[in-house]
């Protein structure tokens, strides 16, 4: 039989908290919830959700790497149901002589 350990053993390869991945450069890093842990519990912050981990450990990360790994990552612009927004903006994708305004 195996002797008892000082911390609980979790099976399945996934744990119920998220931690910052310090093995990558800050701009390329994200959060993980995988076993085996690359640290001793208490040596690194632990967060209840993936989003909480990204916001606290990688807030201000201009690459957006951490947030891009979320199950439903945020978009760079808000989405509106129906595909039409309530304001107009210039259409810079066409030549000036052909361009107009859009609200889609």
Protein backbone atom coordinates (compact mmCIF):
# COMPACT_ATOMS: atom_id res chain seq x y z
CA UNK A 1 0.00 0.00 0.00
CA UNK A 2 1.09 3.57 -0.63
CA UNK A 3 1.72 5.85 2.34
CA UNK A 4 -0.60 8.86 2.77
CA UNK A 5 0.44 12.15 1.17
CA UNK A 6 0.35 15.64 2.64
CA UNK A 7 -2.02 16.92 -0.07
CA UNK A 8 -5.07 15.32 -1.64
CA UNK A 9 -4.65 13.34 -4.82
CA UNK A 10 -6.97 14.22 -7.70
CA UNK A 11 -7.43 11.73 -10.51
CA UNK A 12 -8.41 12.31 -14.12
CA UNK A 13 -5.73 14.80 -15.16
CA UNK A 14 -7.91 17.90 -14.57
CA UNK A 15 -8.34 19.80 -11.32
CA UNK A 16 -11.10 22.06 -10.02
CA UNK A 17 -9.05 25.28 -10.03
CA UNK A 18 -6.97 27.28 -12.50
CA UNK A 19 -3.37 28.47 -12.13
CA UNK A 20 -1.06 30.75 -14.17
CA UNK A 21 1.33 29.00 -16.56
CA UNK A 22 4.71 30.43 -15.63
CA UNK A 23 6.58 28.17 -18.09
CA UNK A 24 5.85 30.55 -20.99
CA UNK A 25 6.67 34.23 -21.50
CA UNK A 26 3.99 36.47 -19.94
CA UNK A 27 2.81 37.68 -23.36
CA UNK A 28 2.35 34.08 -24.58
CA UNK A 29 1.09 32.50 -21.36
CA UNK A 30 -2.33 31.45 -20.17
CA UNK A 31 -3.94 29.53 -17.35
CA UNK A 32 -4.12 25.78 -16.82
CA UNK A 33 -6.09 23.28 -14.77
CA UNK A 34 -4.02 20.20 -15.56
CA UNK A 35 -2.18 17.62 -13.53
CA UNK A 36 0.50 17.05 -12.55
CA UNK A 37 0.85 20.44 -10.93
CA UNK A 38 4.14 22.15 -11.83
CA UNK A 39 4.27 23.66 -8.34
CA UNK A 40 3.56 22.89 -4.70
CA UNK A 41 0.11 24.04 -3.57
CA UNK A 42 0.43 27.46 -1.95
CA UNK A 43 3.42 28.50 -4.09
CA UNK A 44 1.27 29.96 -6.87
CA UNK A 45 -2.12 31.69 -7.01
CA UNK A 46 -5.16 29.47 -7.63
CA UNK A 47 -8.45 30.70 -9.11
CA UNK A 48 -11.95 29.23 -9.22
CA UNK A 49 -12.47 29.97 -12.94
CA UNK A 50 -10.41 30.29 -16.09
CA UNK A 51 -11.63 33.88 -16.57
CA UNK A 52 -10.72 34.84 -13.00
CA UNK A 53 -7.22 33.45 -13.55
CA UNK A 54 -6.76 35.39 -16.81
CA UNK A 55 -8.06 38.64 -15.33
CA UNK A 56 -5.84 38.43 -12.25
CA UNK A 57 -2.65 36.84 -13.60
CA UNK A 58 -2.66 38.28 -17.13
CA UNK A 59 -4.73 41.46 -16.90
CA UNK A 60 -3.39 43.94 -19.44
CA UNK A 61 -1.88 41.22 -21.64
CA UNK A 62 -1.99 42.93 -25.05
CA UNK A 63 -1.56 39.67 -26.98
CA UNK A 64 -4.86 38.39 -25.54
CA UNK A 65 -3.38 34.88 -25.37
CA UNK A 66 -4.95 33.94 -22.03
CA UNK A 67 -8.42 35.21 -22.92
CA UNK A 68 -8.24 33.54 -26.35
CA UNK A 69 -8.00 30.15 -24.61
CA UNK A 70 -11.35 30.55 -22.80
CA UNK A 71 -14.12 28.14 -23.83
CA UNK A 72 -16.07 31.17 -25.16
CA UNK A 73 -13.44 33.86 -25.71
CA UNK A 74 -14.55 37.48 -25.96
CA UNK A 75 -14.46 39.15 -29.37
CA UNK A 76 -12.65 42.36 -30.18
CA UNK A 77 -15.93 44.08 -30.99
CA UNK A 78 -19.38 43.58 -29.51
CA UNK A 79 -21.83 41.39 -31.37
CA UNK A 80 -25.43 42.43 -31.83
CA UNK A 81 -28.27 40.08 -32.64
CA UNK A 82 -29.69 40.57 -36.10
CA UNK A 83 -26.39 41.81 -37.51
CA UNK A 84 -27.39 45.51 -37.60
CA UNK A 85 -26.12 48.12 -35.17
CA UNK A 86 -27.77 51.35 -34.10
CA UNK A 87 -25.19 53.70 -35.62
CA UNK A 88 -23.52 54.30 -38.99
CA UNK A 89 -19.80 54.36 -39.80
CA UNK A 90 -17.67 55.05 -42.94
CA UNK A 91 -16.97 52.13 -45.28
CA UNK A 92 -13.21 52.32 -45.78
CA UNK A 93 -13.09 48.99 -47.66
CA UNK A 94 -14.18 50.61 -50.96
CA UNK A 95 -12.60 53.36 -53.03
CA UNK A 96 -13.58 56.85 -51.84
CA UNK A 97 -15.62 57.48 -54.98
CA UNK A 98 -17.66 54.28 -54.38
CA UNK A 99 -17.76 54.24 -50.60
CA UNK A 100 -20.60 55.14 -48.31
CA UNK A 101 -21.64 54.31 -44.79
CA UNK A 102 -22.58 51.03 -43.13
CA UNK A 103 -24.49 49.88 -40.09
CA UNK A 104 -23.81 46.14 -40.20
